[in-house]
Amino acid sequence: MGVLTDYFRAPNSAAVVQSLEETDGGSPLSAEPPRFEGVDAKGMDPAVVLG
């Protein structure tokens, strides 16, 4: 199994915690509508592809 990575910007850590609680730990980017602006980077290894 590979690494599943999403990159997003949130106003603060409390907003991230609230989003994770509301989505049962799911990505804030997969919610409808997405909770934060970001990039769904599943399948990309950040150290290799984004480096």
N, C-alpha and C. Protein backbone atom coordinates (compact mmCIF):
# COMPACT_ATOMS: atom_id res chain seq x y z
N MET A 1 0.85 -1.18 0.00
CA MET A 1 0.00 0.00 0.00
C MET A 1 0.88 1.23 0.00
N GLY A 2 0.56 2.19 -0.82
CA GLY A 2 1.35 3.41 -0.93
C GLY A 2 0.90 4.46 0.06
N VAL A 3 1.55 5.58 -0.04
CA VAL A 3 1.24 6.71 0.82
C VAL A 3 0.14 7.53 0.15
N LEU A 4 -0.89 7.86 0.89
CA LEU A 4 -1.97 8.70 0.38
C LEU A 4 -1.82 10.08 0.99
N THR A 5 -1.61 11.08 0.14
CA THR A 5 -1.27 12.41 0.63
C THR A 5 -2.20 13.44 0.00
N ASP A 6 -2.72 14.35 0.80
CA ASP A 6 -3.45 15.52 0.33
C ASP A 6 -2.76 16.75 0.92
N TYR A 7 -2.65 17.79 0.13
CA TYR A 7 -2.09 19.05 0.61
C TYR A 7 -3.19 20.08 0.57
N PHE A 8 -3.39 20.80 1.68
CA PHE A 8 -4.42 21.82 1.72
C PHE A 8 -4.00 22.94 2.66
N ARG A 9 -4.65 24.09 2.47
CA ARG A 9 -4.42 25.24 3.35
C ARG A 9 -5.65 25.42 4.22
N ALA A 10 -5.42 25.61 5.50
CA ALA A 10 -6.51 25.84 6.45
C ALA A 10 -6.19 27.08 7.26
N PRO A 11 -7.20 27.77 7.74
CA PRO A 11 -6.95 29.00 8.49
C PRO A 11 -6.23 28.76 9.82
N ASN A 12 -6.45 27.59 10.44
CA ASN A 12 -5.79 27.27 11.70
C ASN A 12 -5.98 25.79 12.01
N SER A 13 -5.29 25.32 13.03
CA SER A 13 -5.36 23.90 13.37
C SER A 13 -6.73 23.50 13.91
N ALA A 14 -7.42 24.42 14.56
CA ALA A 14 -8.76 24.10 15.08
C ALA A 14 -9.73 23.80 13.93
N ALA A 15 -9.59 24.49 12.81
CA ALA A 15 -10.45 24.24 11.65
C ALA A 15 -10.18 22.84 11.07
N VAL A 16 -8.92 22.41 11.10
CA VAL A 16 -8.57 21.08 10.60
C VAL A 16 -9.16 20.01 11.52
N VAL A 17 -9.02 20.19 12.82
CA VAL A 17 -9.58 19.23 13.78
C VAL A 17 -11.09 19.13 13.61
N GLN A 18 -11.77 20.26 13.47
CA GLN A 18 -13.22 20.26 13.29
C GLN A 18 -13.60 19.53 12.00
N SER A 19 -12.86 19.78 10.93
CA SER A 19 -13.15 19.12 9.65
C SER A 19 -12.95 17.61 9.75
N LEU A 20 -11.88 17.18 10.42
CA LEU A 20 -11.63 15.74 10.57
C LEU A 20 -12.71 15.07 11.41
N GLU A 21 -13.20 15.77 12.42
CA GLU A 21 -14.28 15.21 13.24
C GLU A 21 -15.58 15.10 12.44
N GLU A 22 -15.87 16.09 11.61
CA GLU A 22 -17.11 16.09 10.84
C GLU A 22 -17.08 15.07 9.70
N THR A 23 -15.90 14.76 9.17
CA THR A 23 -15.78 13.82 8.05
C THR A 23 -15.30 12.45 8.51
N ASP A 24 -15.33 12.20 9.81
CA ASP A 24 -14.89 10.92 10.38
C ASP A 24 -13.46 10.58 9.96
N GLY A 25 -12.60 11.59 9.97
CA GLY A 25 -11.18 11.39 9.66
C GLY A 25 -10.86 11.40 8.18
N GLY A 26 -11.86 11.64 7.34
CA GLY A 26 -11.64 11.67 5.89
C GLY A 26 -10.96 12.96 5.45
N SER A 27 -10.49 12.96 4.25
CA SER A 27 -9.81 14.13 3.70
C SER A 27 -10.77 15.31 3.58
N PRO A 28 -10.35 16.50 3.97
CA PRO A 28 -11.20 17.67 3.79
C PRO A 28 -11.41 18.01 2.32
N LEU A 29 -10.58 17.45 1.45
CA LEU A 29 -10.72 17.71 0.02
C LEU A 29 -11.77 16.83 -0.64
N SER A 30 -12.10 15.71 -0.01
CA SER A 30 -13.09 14.82 -0.60
C SER A 30 -14.51 15.12 -0.15
N ALA A 31 -14.66 16.09 0.75
CA ALA A 31 -16.00 16.50 1.20
C ALA A 31 -16.68 17.28 0.07
N GLU A 32 -17.99 17.31 0.09
CA GLU A 32 -18.74 18.08 -0.91
C GLU A 32 -19.47 19.21 -0.22
N PRO A 33 -19.14 20.44 -0.48
CA PRO A 33 -17.98 20.92 -1.23
C PRO A 33 -16.70 20.75 -0.41
N PRO A 34 -15.53 20.80 -1.05
CA PRO A 34 -14.27 20.68 -0.29
C PRO A 34 -14.20 21.75 0.80
N ARG A 35 -13.70 21.37 1.96
CA ARG A 35 -13.66 22.29 3.09
C ARG A 35 -12.51 23.30 3.00
N PHE A 36 -11.45 22.93 2.31
CA PHE A 36 -10.29 23.81 2.18
C PHE A 36 -9.79 23.78 0.74
N GLU A 37 -9.01 24.78 0.37
CA GLU A 37 -8.36 24.82 -0.93
C GLU A 37 -7.15 23.90 -0.86
N GLY A 38 -6.98 23.03 -1.86
CA GLY A 38 -5.84 22.13 -1.82
C GLY A 38 -5.69 21.28 -3.05
N VAL A 39 -4.80 20.29 -2.95
CA VAL A 39 -4.48 19.40 -4.06
C VAL A 39 -4.60 17.96 -3.58
N ASP A 40 -5.34 17.17 -4.33
CA ASP A 40 -5.46 15.74 -4.07
C ASP A 40 -4.24 15.07 -4.71
N ALA A 41 -3.29 14.65 -3.90
CA ALA A 41 -2.00 14.13 -4.41
C ALA A 41 -1.85 12.64 -4.19
N LYS A 42 -2.95 11.91 -4.20
CA LYS A 42 -2.85 10.46 -4.00
C LYS A 42 -2.05 9.84 -5.13
N GLY A 43 -1.16 8.95 -4.79
CA GLY A 43 -0.32 8.30 -5.78
C GLY A 43 0.97 9.03 -6.08
N MET A 44 1.15 10.21 -5.50
CA MET A 44 2.40 10.96 -5.70
C MET A 44 3.23 10.88 -4.43
N ASP A 45 4.47 10.54 -4.57
CA ASP A 45 5.39 10.57 -3.43
C ASP A 45 5.98 11.97 -3.37
N PRO A 46 5.65 12.77 -2.36
CA PRO A 46 6.07 14.17 -2.34
C PRO A 46 7.58 14.35 -2.42
N ALA A 47 8.35 13.48 -1.81
CA ALA A 47 9.80 13.65 -1.82
C ALA A 47 10.38 13.40 -3.22
N VAL A 48 9.73 12.57 -4.01
CA VAL A 48 10.23 12.24 -5.34
C VAL A 48 9.60 13.13 -6.41
N VAL A 49 8.28 13.19 -6.43
CA VAL A 49 7.58 13.89 -7.50
C VAL A 49 7.60 15.41 -7.32
N LEU A 50 7.40 15.88 -6.09
CA LEU A 50 7.32 17.31 -5.85
C LEU A 50 8.68 17.92 -5.51
N GLY A 51 9.67 17.09 -5.26
CA GLY A 51 11.00 17.58 -4.90
C GLY A 51 11.68 18.17 -6.08
